[in-house]
């Protein structure tokens, strides 16, 4: 009868898996059923109890469990019964740990999860754990089902706790404030070093492997960041900003990147008012402004931050430092349809890039020159610059470039080059170029670049009057925009889906979607004269309606 219930089968399976040689007998059945009832059939509580079968007989286990719960019966029972029974089961399991195991159990709650080597290194830096055999203690916690083992992206085992157990352990650790501080400090220092080490691996390791590693450690890196935020340690935050920013940018999570930048900006005034500090603050404000520009469009605050940075560097001999701000200014000029000023700025970018002989800067300079020339209706020159941008991009690779913002320049170069070839009368080359852009964006698995490539492929679908492809790409673009919080790309995808609906005969539905898209554009802080919401206007013989790519260097 016991094995007929899911709870009974779970208890028997977990007890047998513990290596104690346990086999359920008729003699034990009543006690097992009582234990499962006493634990309200909760899987985690049953698993924790079954892990003790190697130490206690079934009868002893039932008696110890009953005694433990009765002792706690006078405590706080305001929580639902499911919750306090589970809490009691975890507490009972912790009470049976050795002193060393108990400290490791509580200290491990500071980690979201981790490799054994990382956990061991962190805890060895804590005086309370200096004499503890960390590996043995963790192995014992795994045997007792308080810690779990799962493979990471590199197939190496990662140790973790269920959230319920982790919260319990964290609460217990908090009863010793000095120990909490020492464990958190060691954890933050270790994972700050891990982050900078992973970033250095980009020189010799595949980008996807590095991103997977950062994904595995993201919870620990965020915990380290928060620890340094709480202590207003600007130097440590500066160490972590590059790797975390690069990760969030690669994943297309610009909102998270903006939060990092704003948190650090809030603390910079704590430092002495030196020229270097003012430089750092202006540079960071420009980075945050460029990110907001990429996601939300033009805003006076973004323009102000970019112009302030340019003014700071106006008389500077460090031309390379001026390049990112000039790149952002160039984008703003194109948003405003100030094409003549944009052409002047793009020439300044090119001059800096040629002096520096840096493939990354040359990619950006040729790209911005391409876009400026296309709006000035010099299509052959624009195509030449698009091709040069793609050529230089191939020389840079596609790693995580510190503080890159927006669309990958290789994706921009191939997409814009494709549209220009359509305008120039080369339809086959245009389609091939757009397909290369789509393939590269998908290969990079960069959400913002995927949205950009699909937007420009939809323009070509519209010009080719390929309604079916337009509708399919619009759905893909909407999914990307909504899942990553890109309001501009969402508005544009709605425009294209509305156009596809009208072309397919659903005039009312299509017009309703167009109205929704235009209303969304109105809510975005975008200059009326230009910006991405005007990109779909104009026949193929007009200058290509290309949204300038956001800064990427």
Protein backbone atom coordinates (compact mmCIF):
# COMPACT_ATOMS: atom_id res chain seq x y z
CA UNK A 1 0.00 0.00 0.00
CA UNK A 2 2.86 2.37 0.80
CA UNK A 3 4.40 1.89 -2.64
CA UNK A 4 1.05 2.71 -4.21
CA UNK A 5 1.52 6.32 -3.14
CA UNK A 6 3.94 8.69 -4.87
CA UNK A 7 5.33 9.83 -1.51
CA UNK A 8 5.99 6.24 -0.41
CA UNK A 9 7.76 5.36 -3.64
CA UNK A 10 9.90 8.50 -3.38
CA UNK A 11 10.95 7.63 0.17
CA UNK A 12 11.83 4.05 -0.78
CA UNK A 13 13.76 5.14 -3.88
CA UNK A 14 15.76 7.81 -2.10
CA UNK A 15 16.52 5.60 0.89
CA UNK A 16 17.76 2.81 -1.41
CA UNK A 17 19.82 5.29 -3.44
CA UNK A 18 21.68 6.33 -0.28
CA UNK A 19 23.78 3.17 -0.33
CA UNK A 20 22.41 1.78 2.95
CA UNK A 21 21.03 -1.38 1.35
CA UNK A 22 17.50 -0.36 2.34
CA UNK A 23 14.62 -2.42 1.02
CA UNK A 24 11.06 -1.67 2.08
CA UNK A 25 9.52 -4.51 4.10
CA UNK A 26 6.05 -5.06 5.53
CA UNK A 27 7.54 -4.42 8.94
CA UNK A 28 8.70 -0.92 7.89
CA UNK A 29 5.65 -0.03 5.82
CA UNK A 30 3.60 1.52 8.66
CA UNK A 31 6.51 3.67 9.81
CA UNK A 32 7.26 4.82 6.25
CA UNK A 33 3.61 5.74 5.73
CA UNK A 34 3.60 7.65 9.02
CA UNK A 35 6.78 9.53 8.07
CA UNK A 36 5.30 10.53 4.70
CA UNK A 37 2.07 11.71 6.36
CA UNK A 38 4.03 13.59 9.02
CA UNK A 39 5.86 15.44 6.26
CA UNK A 40 2.62 16.22 4.37
CA UNK A 41 3.92 14.30 1.35
CA UNK A 42 6.35 17.12 0.52
CA UNK A 43 9.03 15.70 -1.85
CA UNK A 44 11.92 17.74 -0.46
CA UNK A 45 11.05 16.92 3.16
CA UNK A 46 10.71 13.22 2.29
CA UNK A 47 14.02 13.25 0.45
CA UNK A 48 15.78 14.83 3.43
CA UNK A 49 14.31 12.27 5.81
CA UNK A 50 15.14 9.32 3.52
CA UNK A 51 18.76 10.47 3.36
CA UNK A 52 19.03 9.54 7.10
CA UNK A 53 18.16 5.87 6.64
CA UNK A 54 21.84 4.97 6.61
CA UNK A 55 22.19 6.35 10.15
CA UNK A 56 18.84 5.45 11.72
CA UNK A 57 16.42 2.57 11.43
CA UNK A 58 12.99 3.38 10.01
CA UNK A 59 11.47 3.19 13.50
CA UNK A 60 14.17 5.44 14.97
CA UNK A 61 13.73 7.87 12.08
CA UNK A 62 9.99 8.10 12.74
CA UNK A 63 10.53 8.62 16.49
CA UNK A 64 13.23 11.27 15.98
CA UNK A 65 11.11 13.09 13.44
CA UNK A 66 8.00 13.03 15.65
CA UNK A 67 9.99 14.28 18.62
CA UNK A 68 11.58 17.06 16.60
CA UNK A 69 8.27 18.33 15.24
CA UNK A 70 6.60 18.19 18.62
CA UNK A 71 9.39 20.20 20.20
CA UNK A 72 8.84 22.85 17.51
CA UNK A 73 5.08 22.79 17.92
CA UNK A 74 5.16 25.73 20.33
CA UNK A 75 6.95 27.95 17.81
CA UNK A 76 5.58 30.33 15.20
CA UNK A 77 2.85 28.57 13.27
CA UNK A 78 1.51 31.59 11.43
CA UNK A 79 2.90 30.21 8.18
CA UNK A 80 0.92 27.66 6.14
CA UNK A 81 1.40 24.08 7.33
CA UNK A 82 3.22 23.06 4.13
CA UNK A 83 5.84 25.71 4.77
CA UNK A 84 6.49 25.05 8.42
CA UNK A 85 6.68 21.30 7.92
CA UNK A 86 9.28 21.79 5.22
CA UNK A 87 11.15 24.27 7.41
CA UNK A 88 11.10 21.76 10.26
CA UNK A 89 12.45 19.02 7.99
CA UNK A 90 15.36 21.19 6.90
CA UNK A 91 16.02 22.29 10.48
CA UNK A 92 15.94 18.72 11.69
CA UNK A 93 18.45 17.74 8.99
CA UNK A 94 20.74 20.60 9.93
CA UNK A 95 20.62 19.67 13.62
CA UNK A 96 22.09 16.28 12.75
CA UNK A 97 25.11 17.80 10.97
CA UNK A 98 28.54 18.02 12.55
CA UNK A 99 29.73 21.49 13.54
CA UNK A 100 32.00 21.67 10.49
CA UNK A 101 29.28 20.51 8.12
CA UNK A 102 26.87 23.02 9.64
CA UNK A 103 29.23 25.93 8.98
CA UNK A 104 29.85 24.87 5.37
CA UNK A 105 26.09 24.38 4.88
CA UNK A 106 25.37 27.90 6.05
CA UNK A 107 28.33 29.52 4.30
CA UNK A 108 27.42 27.88 1.00
CA UNK A 109 24.16 29.87 1.00
CA UNK A 110 26.20 32.91 -0.13
CA UNK A 111 26.79 31.13 -3.47
CA UNK A 112 24.05 30.76 -6.05
CA UNK A 113 25.90 27.59 -7.08
CA UNK A 114 29.48 26.79 -7.97
CA UNK A 115 32.32 24.45 -8.84
CA UNK A 116 33.92 22.63 -5.93
CA UNK A 117 37.26 24.35 -6.58
CA UNK A 118 35.70 27.83 -6.35
CA UNK A 119 33.75 26.99 -3.19
CA UNK A 120 36.84 25.49 -1.60
CA UNK A 121 38.97 28.55 -2.44
CA UNK A 122 36.41 31.00 -1.06
CA UNK A 123 35.79 29.15 2.19
CA UNK A 124 39.49 28.53 2.83
CA UNK A 125 39.88 32.31 2.96
CA UNK A 126 37.42 32.44 5.89
CA UNK A 127 39.04 31.89 9.33
CA UNK A 128 36.10 29.82 10.62
CA UNK A 129 36.62 27.29 7.81
CA UNK A 130 40.42 27.20 7.70
CA UNK A 131 40.63 23.81 9.44
CA UNK A 132 37.57 22.26 7.75
CA UNK A 133 37.91 19.68 4.98
CA UNK A 134 35.61 21.52 2.59
CA UNK A 135 35.38 18.74 0.02
CA UNK A 136 34.42 16.15 2.63
CA UNK A 137 31.84 18.46 4.21
CA UNK A 138 30.22 19.20 0.85
CA UNK A 139 30.21 15.51 -0.06
CA UNK A 140 28.39 14.78 3.18
CA UNK A 141 25.85 17.53 2.44
CA UNK A 142 25.25 15.99 -0.98
CA UNK A 143 24.69 12.57 0.61
CA UNK A 144 22.14 14.16 2.97
CA UNK A 145 20.29 15.84 0.06
CA UNK A 146 21.02 19.33 1.38
CA UNK A 147 23.23 20.08 -1.63
CA UNK A 148 22.67 18.94 -5.19
CA UNK A 149 25.05 18.25 -8.05
CA UNK A 150 24.29 19.17 -11.66
CA UNK A 151 26.52 19.60 -14.73
CA UNK A 152 27.52 23.09 -15.81
CA UNK A 153 27.95 24.32 -19.39
CA UNK A 154 31.48 22.88 -19.33
CA UNK A 155 30.09 19.52 -18.09
CA UNK A 156 31.95 19.93 -14.81
CA UNK A 157 29.79 19.29 -11.72
CA UNK A 158 28.24 22.35 -10.09
CA UNK A 159 26.94 22.26 -6.53
CA UNK A 160 23.74 24.07 -5.65
CA UNK A 161 20.91 24.25 -3.12
CA UNK A 162 17.19 24.35 -3.67
CA UNK A 163 15.91 27.85 -2.94
CA UNK A 164 14.00 26.72 0.16
CA UNK A 165 17.12 25.17 1.68
CA UNK A 166 19.29 28.10 0.62
CA UNK A 167 16.97 30.60 2.32
CA UNK A 168 17.04 28.54 5.50
CA UNK A 169 20.85 28.29 5.46
CA UNK A 170 21.15 32.02 4.74
CA UNK A 171 18.91 32.86 7.69
CA UNK A 172 21.05 30.70 9.95
CA UNK A 173 24.27 32.26 8.67
CA UNK A 174 22.81 35.71 9.40
CA UNK A 175 22.77 34.88 13.12
CA UNK A 176 26.57 35.31 13.03
CA UNK A 177 27.09 38.77 11.42
CA UNK A 178 30.88 38.67 11.51
CA UNK A 179 30.94 35.31 9.74
CA UNK A 180 28.47 36.59 7.14
CA UNK A 181 30.75 39.53 6.37
CA UNK A 182 33.86 37.39 6.05
CA UNK A 183 32.17 34.85 3.78
CA UNK A 184 30.59 37.51 1.56
CA UNK A 185 33.89 39.43 1.32
CA UNK A 186 35.82 36.31 0.30
CA UNK A 187 33.07 35.37 -2.17
CA UNK A 188 33.01 38.84 -3.78
CA UNK A 189 36.79 39.04 -4.08
CA UNK A 190 37.01 35.58 -5.64
CA UNK A 191 34.28 36.08 -8.22
CA UNK A 192 35.57 39.52 -9.16
CA UNK A 193 38.83 37.78 -10.04
CA UNK A 194 36.90 35.05 -11.90
CA UNK A 195 35.12 37.68 -14.00
CA UNK A 196 38.29 39.47 -15.08
CA UNK A 197 39.95 36.12 -15.76
CA UNK A 198 37.08 34.98 -17.99
CA UNK A 199 37.24 38.27 -19.88
CA UNK A 200 40.95 37.70 -20.56
CA UNK A 201 40.14 34.25 -21.95
CA UNK A 202 38.52 35.91 -24.98
CA UNK A 203 41.95 36.17 -26.56
CA UNK A 204 42.24 32.39 -26.80
CA UNK A 205 38.76 30.93 -26.18
CA UNK A 206 35.64 30.71 -28.33
CA UNK A 207 33.14 33.50 -27.64
CA UNK A 208 30.28 31.06 -27.07
CA UNK A 209 32.32 29.19 -24.47
CA UNK A 210 33.11 32.42 -22.61
CA UNK A 211 29.46 33.49 -22.65
CA UNK A 212 28.40 30.08 -21.35
CA UNK A 213 30.93 30.36 -18.53
CA UNK A 214 29.66 33.82 -17.60
CA UNK A 215 26.09 32.52 -17.71
CA UNK A 216 27.02 29.77 -15.25
CA UNK A 217 28.57 32.29 -12.87
CA UNK A 218 26.13 35.16 -13.39
CA UNK A 219 24.39 34.73 -10.05
CA UNK A 220 27.70 34.80 -8.19
CA UNK A 221 28.93 37.78 -10.22
CA UNK A 222 25.76 39.72 -9.45
CA UNK A 223 26.15 38.88 -5.76
CA UNK A 224 29.75 40.15 -5.90
CA UNK A 225 28.60 43.34 -7.65
CA UNK A 226 25.95 43.95 -4.99
CA UNK A 227 28.47 43.38 -2.21
CA UNK A 228 30.74 46.10 -3.63
CA UNK A 229 27.72 48.38 -4.21
CA UNK A 230 26.74 47.98 -0.56
CA UNK A 231 30.27 49.00 0.45
CA UNK A 232 30.55 51.73 -2.21
CA UNK A 233 33.83 50.25 -3.39
CA UNK A 234 34.24 52.04 -6.72
CA UNK A 235 37.54 50.37 -7.59
CA UNK A 236 36.08 46.87 -7.29
CA UNK A 237 32.95 47.88 -9.22
CA UNK A 238 35.15 49.26 -11.96
CA UNK A 239 36.85 45.83 -12.21
CA UNK A 240 33.52 44.07 -12.59
CA UNK A 241 31.81 46.57 -14.88
CA UNK A 242 33.64 45.53 -18.05
CA UNK A 243 32.93 41.77 -17.86
CA UNK A 244 29.34 42.23 -16.69
CA UNK A 245 28.62 44.94 -19.26
CA UNK A 246 30.10 42.79 -22.01
CA UNK A 247 27.96 39.85 -20.93
CA UNK A 248 24.70 41.81 -20.76
CA UNK A 249 25.43 43.48 -24.10
CA UNK A 250 26.14 40.13 -25.75
CA UNK A 251 22.85 38.80 -24.40
CA UNK A 252 21.00 41.93 -25.48
CA UNK A 253 20.01 42.79 -21.90
CA UNK A 254 20.60 46.54 -22.09
CA UNK A 255 18.34 47.34 -19.16
CA UNK A 256 20.65 45.37 -16.86
CA UNK A 257 23.68 47.14 -18.36
CA UNK A 258 22.10 50.55 -17.75
CA UNK A 259 21.46 49.65 -14.11
CA UNK A 260 25.14 48.76 -13.64
CA UNK A 261 26.26 52.04 -15.15
CA UNK A 262 23.82 54.11 -13.13
CA UNK A 263 24.80 52.42 -9.88
CA UNK A 264 28.47 53.17 -10.48
CA UNK A 265 27.73 56.75 -11.55
CA UNK A 266 25.89 57.32 -8.28
CA UNK A 267 29.09 56.47 -6.37
CA UNK A 268 31.72 58.29 -8.41
CA UNK A 269 31.22 61.56 -6.47
CA UNK A 270 32.53 59.70 -3.39
CA UNK A 271 35.99 59.84 -4.96
CA UNK A 272 38.27 62.91 -4.76
CA UNK A 273 37.43 65.51 -7.42
CA UNK A 274 40.39 64.86 -9.73
CA UNK A 275 40.74 65.27 -13.48
CA UNK A 276 40.86 61.49 -13.89
CA UNK A 277 37.67 61.03 -11.90
CA UNK A 278 35.86 63.66 -13.98
CA UNK A 279 37.07 61.89 -17.11
CA UNK A 280 35.76 58.54 -15.85
CA UNK A 281 32.41 60.03 -14.93
CA UNK A 282 31.92 61.74 -18.29
CA UNK A 283 32.96 58.61 -20.18
CA UNK A 284 30.58 56.44 -18.19
CA UNK A 285 27.72 58.92 -18.62
CA UNK A 286 28.29 58.80 -22.37
CA UNK A 287 28.27 54.98 -22.32
CA UNK A 288 24.98 54.89 -20.42
CA UNK A 289 23.54 57.55 -22.74
CA UNK A 290 24.52 55.53 -25.82
CA UNK A 291 22.86 52.47 -24.35
CA UNK A 292 19.65 54.38 -23.64
CA UNK A 293 19.80 55.74 -27.18
CA UNK A 294 20.08 52.22 -28.61
CA UNK A 295 17.07 50.97 -26.64
CA UNK A 296 14.76 53.95 -26.21
CA UNK A 297 15.81 56.37 -28.93
CA UNK A 298 16.79 60.01 -28.73
CA UNK A 299 16.53 61.95 -25.48
CA UNK A 300 17.86 65.37 -24.43
CA UNK A 301 19.72 63.75 -21.53
CA UNK A 302 21.53 61.37 -23.88
CA UNK A 303 22.46 64.20 -26.22
CA UNK A 304 23.69 66.32 -23.29
CA UNK A 305 25.90 63.53 -21.94
CA UNK A 306 27.44 62.88 -25.35
CA UNK A 307 28.11 66.58 -26.01
CA UNK A 308 29.65 67.06 -22.55
CA UNK A 309 32.02 64.18 -23.22
CA UNK A 310 33.00 65.65 -26.58
CA UNK A 311 33.65 69.06 -25.01
CA UNK A 312 35.87 67.41 -22.42
CA UNK A 313 37.96 65.82 -25.16
CA UNK A 314 37.84 68.71 -27.63
CA UNK A 315 41.34 69.91 -26.80
CA UNK A 316 42.64 66.48 -25.87
CA UNK A 317 45.43 64.92 -27.86
CA UNK A 318 44.00 61.48 -27.08
CA UNK A 319 42.00 61.14 -30.27
CA UNK A 320 41.08 57.55 -29.50
CA UNK A 321 39.19 58.71 -26.41
CA UNK A 322 37.15 61.08 -28.56
CA UNK A 323 36.13 58.35 -30.99
CA UNK A 324 33.23 56.75 -29.03
CA UNK A 325 31.64 60.13 -28.27
CA UNK A 326 32.04 61.23 -31.90
CA UNK A 327 30.48 57.93 -32.97
CA UNK A 328 27.49 58.65 -30.74
CA UNK A 329 27.25 62.23 -32.02
CA UNK A 330 27.26 60.92 -35.58
CA UNK A 331 24.33 58.64 -34.75
CA UNK A 332 22.43 61.57 -33.20
CA UNK A 333 23.05 63.69 -36.31
CA UNK A 334 21.62 60.99 -38.54
CA UNK A 335 18.62 60.57 -36.22
CA UNK A 336 18.00 64.31 -36.65
CA UNK A 337 18.39 64.08 -40.47
CA UNK A 338 21.34 66.47 -40.20
CA UNK A 339 23.17 64.67 -42.99
CA UNK A 340 25.64 67.41 -43.83
CA UNK A 341 26.90 67.57 -40.22
CA UNK A 342 26.89 63.79 -40.15
CA UNK A 343 29.19 63.67 -43.16
CA UNK A 344 31.63 66.05 -41.44
CA UNK A 345 31.66 63.93 -38.28
CA UNK A 346 32.11 60.70 -40.21
CA UNK A 347 35.18 62.20 -41.93
CA UNK A 348 36.60 63.06 -38.49
CA UNK A 349 35.97 59.48 -37.37
CA UNK A 350 37.77 58.21 -40.45
CA UNK A 351 40.77 60.45 -39.81
CA UNK A 352 41.13 59.11 -36.25
CA UNK A 353 40.69 55.48 -37.36
CA UNK A 354 43.30 55.78 -40.11
CA UNK A 355 45.85 57.31 -37.74
CA UNK A 356 45.21 54.59 -35.15
CA UNK A 357 45.16 51.81 -37.80
CA UNK A 358 42.74 49.93 -35.58
CA UNK A 359 40.39 47.47 -37.41
CA UNK A 360 37.61 48.08 -34.86
CA UNK A 361 37.75 51.86 -35.35
CA UNK A 362 38.08 51.48 -39.12
CA UNK A 363 34.98 49.26 -39.18
CA UNK A 364 32.97 51.94 -37.38
CA UNK A 365 34.36 54.82 -39.44
CA UNK A 366 33.61 53.15 -42.78
CA UNK A 367 30.18 52.17 -41.52
CA UNK A 368 29.22 55.71 -40.52
CA UNK A 369 30.65 57.10 -43.75
CA UNK A 370 28.61 54.55 -45.67
CA UNK A 371 25.38 55.63 -43.98
CA UNK A 372 26.14 59.34 -44.42
CA UNK A 373 26.96 58.90 -48.12
CA UNK A 374 23.82 56.85 -48.71
CA UNK A 375 21.62 59.62 -47.36
CA UNK A 376 23.52 62.09 -49.55
CA UNK A 377 22.60 59.81 -52.50
CA UNK A 378 26.13 58.71 -53.41
CA UNK A 379 25.21 55.02 -53.55
CA UNK A 380 28.38 53.67 -55.22
CA UNK A 381 30.60 55.34 -52.60
CA UNK A 382 28.30 54.13 -49.83
CA UNK A 383 28.55 50.53 -51.12
CA UNK A 384 32.34 50.80 -51.19
CA UNK A 385 32.42 51.92 -47.55
CA UNK A 386 29.99 49.17 -46.52
CA UNK A 387 32.28 46.58 -48.07
CA UNK A 388 35.34 48.10 -46.39
CA UNK A 389 33.52 48.05 -43.04
CA UNK A 390 32.70 44.35 -43.50
CA UNK A 391 36.32 43.64 -44.46
CA UNK A 392 37.72 45.36 -41.35
CA UNK A 393 35.11 43.66 -39.18
CA UNK A 394 36.32 40.25 -40.29
CA UNK A 395 39.80 41.28 -39.11
CA UNK A 396 38.53 42.15 -35.61
CA UNK A 397 36.66 38.93 -34.80
CA UNK A 398 33.48 38.95 -32.77
CA UNK A 399 34.52 38.76 -29.14
CA UNK A 400 33.13 40.77 -26.27
CA UNK A 401 34.43 44.28 -26.89
CA UNK A 402 34.35 46.33 -23.72
CA UNK A 403 31.34 48.69 -23.66
CA UNK A 404 30.16 47.82 -27.15
CA UNK A 405 26.61 49.07 -27.63
CA UNK A 406 23.92 48.06 -30.09
CA UNK A 407 24.11 46.18 -33.34
CA UNK A 408 27.21 44.21 -34.23
CA UNK A 409 29.04 46.24 -36.92
CA UNK A 410 29.46 43.21 -39.18
CA UNK A 411 25.69 42.75 -39.17
CA UNK A 412 25.18 46.45 -39.97
CA UNK A 413 27.71 46.44 -42.81
CA UNK A 414 26.22 43.43 -44.57
CA UNK A 415 22.60 44.54 -44.06
CA UNK A 416 23.16 48.11 -45.25
CA UNK A 417 25.36 46.90 -48.10
CA UNK A 418 22.56 44.60 -49.20
CA UNK A 419 19.93 47.35 -49.27
CA UNK A 420 22.29 49.67 -51.14
CA UNK A 421 22.84 47.02 -53.81
CA UNK A 422 19.07 46.74 -54.30
CA UNK A 423 18.90 50.49 -54.80
CA UNK A 424 21.88 50.28 -57.14
CA UNK A 425 20.10 47.71 -59.30
CA UNK A 426 21.71 44.46 -58.10
CA UNK A 427 18.80 42.44 -56.64
CA UNK A 428 20.59 39.09 -56.36
CA UNK A 429 23.56 40.64 -54.56
CA UNK A 430 21.11 42.50 -52.31
CA UNK A 431 19.36 39.31 -51.23
CA UNK A 432 22.69 37.57 -50.64
CA UNK A 433 23.91 40.46 -48.50
CA UNK A 434 20.79 40.49 -46.34
CA UNK A 435 21.02 36.73 -45.89
CA UNK A 436 24.66 37.06 -44.73
CA UNK A 437 23.52 39.66 -42.23
CA UNK A 438 20.79 37.38 -40.90
CA UNK A 439 23.16 34.42 -40.70
CA UNK A 440 25.84 36.42 -38.86
CA UNK A 441 23.35 37.80 -36.34
CA UNK A 442 22.02 34.31 -35.66
CA UNK A 443 25.53 32.88 -35.40
CA UNK A 444 26.44 35.53 -32.83
CA UNK A 445 23.15 34.89 -31.03
CA UNK A 446 23.03 38.62 -30.31
CA UNK A 447 19.38 39.69 -29.85
CA UNK A 448 19.78 43.35 -30.80
CA UNK A 449 21.69 42.42 -33.95
CA UNK A 450 19.08 39.80 -34.83
CA UNK A 451 16.37 42.46 -34.52
CA UNK A 452 18.41 44.85 -36.71
CA UNK A 453 19.02 42.23 -39.42
CA UNK A 454 15.36 41.24 -39.51
CA UNK A 455 14.27 44.86 -39.72
CA UNK A 456 16.40 45.42 -42.82
CA UNK A 457 15.39 42.09 -44.33
CA UNK A 458 11.76 43.19 -43.89
CA UNK A 459 12.53 46.39 -45.80
CA UNK A 460 13.77 44.26 -48.68
CA UNK A 461 10.67 42.01 -48.42
CA UNK A 462 8.50 45.13 -48.62
CA UNK A 463 10.31 46.41 -51.70
CA UNK A 464 10.14 42.96 -53.31
CA UNK A 465 6.44 42.71 -52.37
CA UNK A 466 7.08 39.34 -50.69
CA UNK A 467 4.16 39.50 -48.27
CA UNK A 468 4.55 36.00 -46.84
CA UNK A 469 8.21 36.54 -45.91
CA UNK A 470 7.39 39.99 -44.54
CA UNK A 471 4.70 38.59 -42.25
CA UNK A 472 6.91 35.76 -41.01
CA UNK A 473 9.83 38.05 -40.25
CA UNK A 474 7.52 40.53 -38.52
CA UNK A 475 6.40 37.78 -36.12
CA UNK A 476 10.03 36.86 -35.38
CA UNK A 477 10.90 40.51 -34.80
CA UNK A 478 7.98 41.05 -32.44
CA UNK A 479 9.00 38.04 -30.39
CA UNK A 480 12.57 39.35 -30.15
CA UNK A 481 11.48 42.87 -29.23
CA UNK A 482 8.98 41.76 -26.61
CA UNK A 483 11.24 39.17 -24.97
CA UNK A 484 14.18 41.60 -24.67
CA UNK A 485 12.39 44.88 -24.00
CA UNK A 486 13.19 46.76 -27.24
CA UNK A 487 10.33 49.25 -27.75
CA UNK A 488 11.74 50.70 -31.00
CA UNK A 489 12.05 47.32 -32.66
CA UNK A 490 8.56 46.43 -31.45
CA UNK A 491 7.10 49.55 -33.06
CA UNK A 492 8.87 48.81 -36.34
CA UNK A 493 7.80 45.16 -36.33
CA UNK A 494 4.18 46.26 -35.84
CA UNK A 495 4.52 48.59 -38.83
CA UNK A 496 5.70 45.74 -41.02
CA UNK A 497 3.12 43.27 -39.72
CA UNK A 498 0.41 45.86 -40.34
CA UNK A 499 1.70 46.41 -43.87
CA UNK A 500 1.72 42.65 -44.49
CA UNK A 501 -1.86 42.37 -43.21
CA UNK A 502 -3.06 45.17 -45.49
CA UNK A 503 -1.28 43.61 -48.47
CA UNK A 504 -2.91 40.26 -47.67
CA UNK A 505 -6.40 41.76 -47.70
CA UNK A 506 -6.93 42.39 -43.98
CA UNK A 507 -7.18 46.13 -44.37
CA UNK A 508 -8.90 46.85 -41.06
CA UNK A 509 -6.57 44.66 -38.99
CA UNK A 510 -3.49 45.99 -40.72
CA UNK A 511 -4.46 49.62 -40.27
CA UNK A 512 -5.18 48.98 -36.59
CA UNK A 513 -1.67 47.60 -36.14
CA UNK A 514 -0.19 50.57 -37.96
CA UNK A 515 -2.07 52.91 -35.63
CA UNK A 516 -0.71 50.97 -32.64
CA UNK A 517 2.81 51.23 -34.04
CA UNK A 518 2.55 54.97 -34.64
CA UNK A 519 1.15 55.49 -31.14
CA UNK A 520 4.14 53.62 -29.74
CA UNK A 521 6.47 55.78 -31.83
CA UNK A 522 4.83 58.89 -30.41
CA UNK A 523 5.64 57.70 -26.89
CA UNK A 524 9.29 57.16 -27.77
CA UNK A 525 11.63 60.12 -27.37
CA UNK A 526 12.60 60.29 -31.04
CA UNK A 527 13.22 63.43 -33.14
CA UNK A 528 10.19 64.10 -35.35
CA UNK A 529 12.31 64.68 -38.42
CA UNK A 530 13.93 61.28 -38.52
CA UNK A 531 14.57 58.18 -36.40
CA UNK A 532 13.66 54.57 -36.94
CA UNK A 533 9.91 55.11 -37.04
CA UNK A 534 10.29 56.86 -40.40
CA UNK A 535 12.40 54.06 -41.86
CA UNK A 536 9.64 52.42 -43.85
CA UNK A 537 8.74 55.50 -45.86
CA UNK A 538 10.04 56.12 -49.34
CA UNK A 539 10.23 54.06 -52.53
CA UNK A 540 13.32 52.05 -53.44
CA UNK A 541 14.79 54.88 -55.53
CA UNK A 542 15.14 57.20 -52.51
CA UNK A 543 18.17 57.04 -50.19
CA UNK A 544 18.08 53.81 -48.20
CA UNK A 545 15.97 54.07 -45.04
CA UNK A 546 18.67 52.73 -42.76
CA UNK A 547 18.62 53.31 -39.03
CA UNK A 548 22.16 54.26 -37.92
CA UNK A 549 23.70 51.51 -35.86
CA UNK A 550 24.28 52.27 -32.19
CA UNK A 551 27.92 52.63 -31.09
CA UNK A 552 29.79 49.38 -30.78
CA UNK A 553 33.23 50.40 -29.61
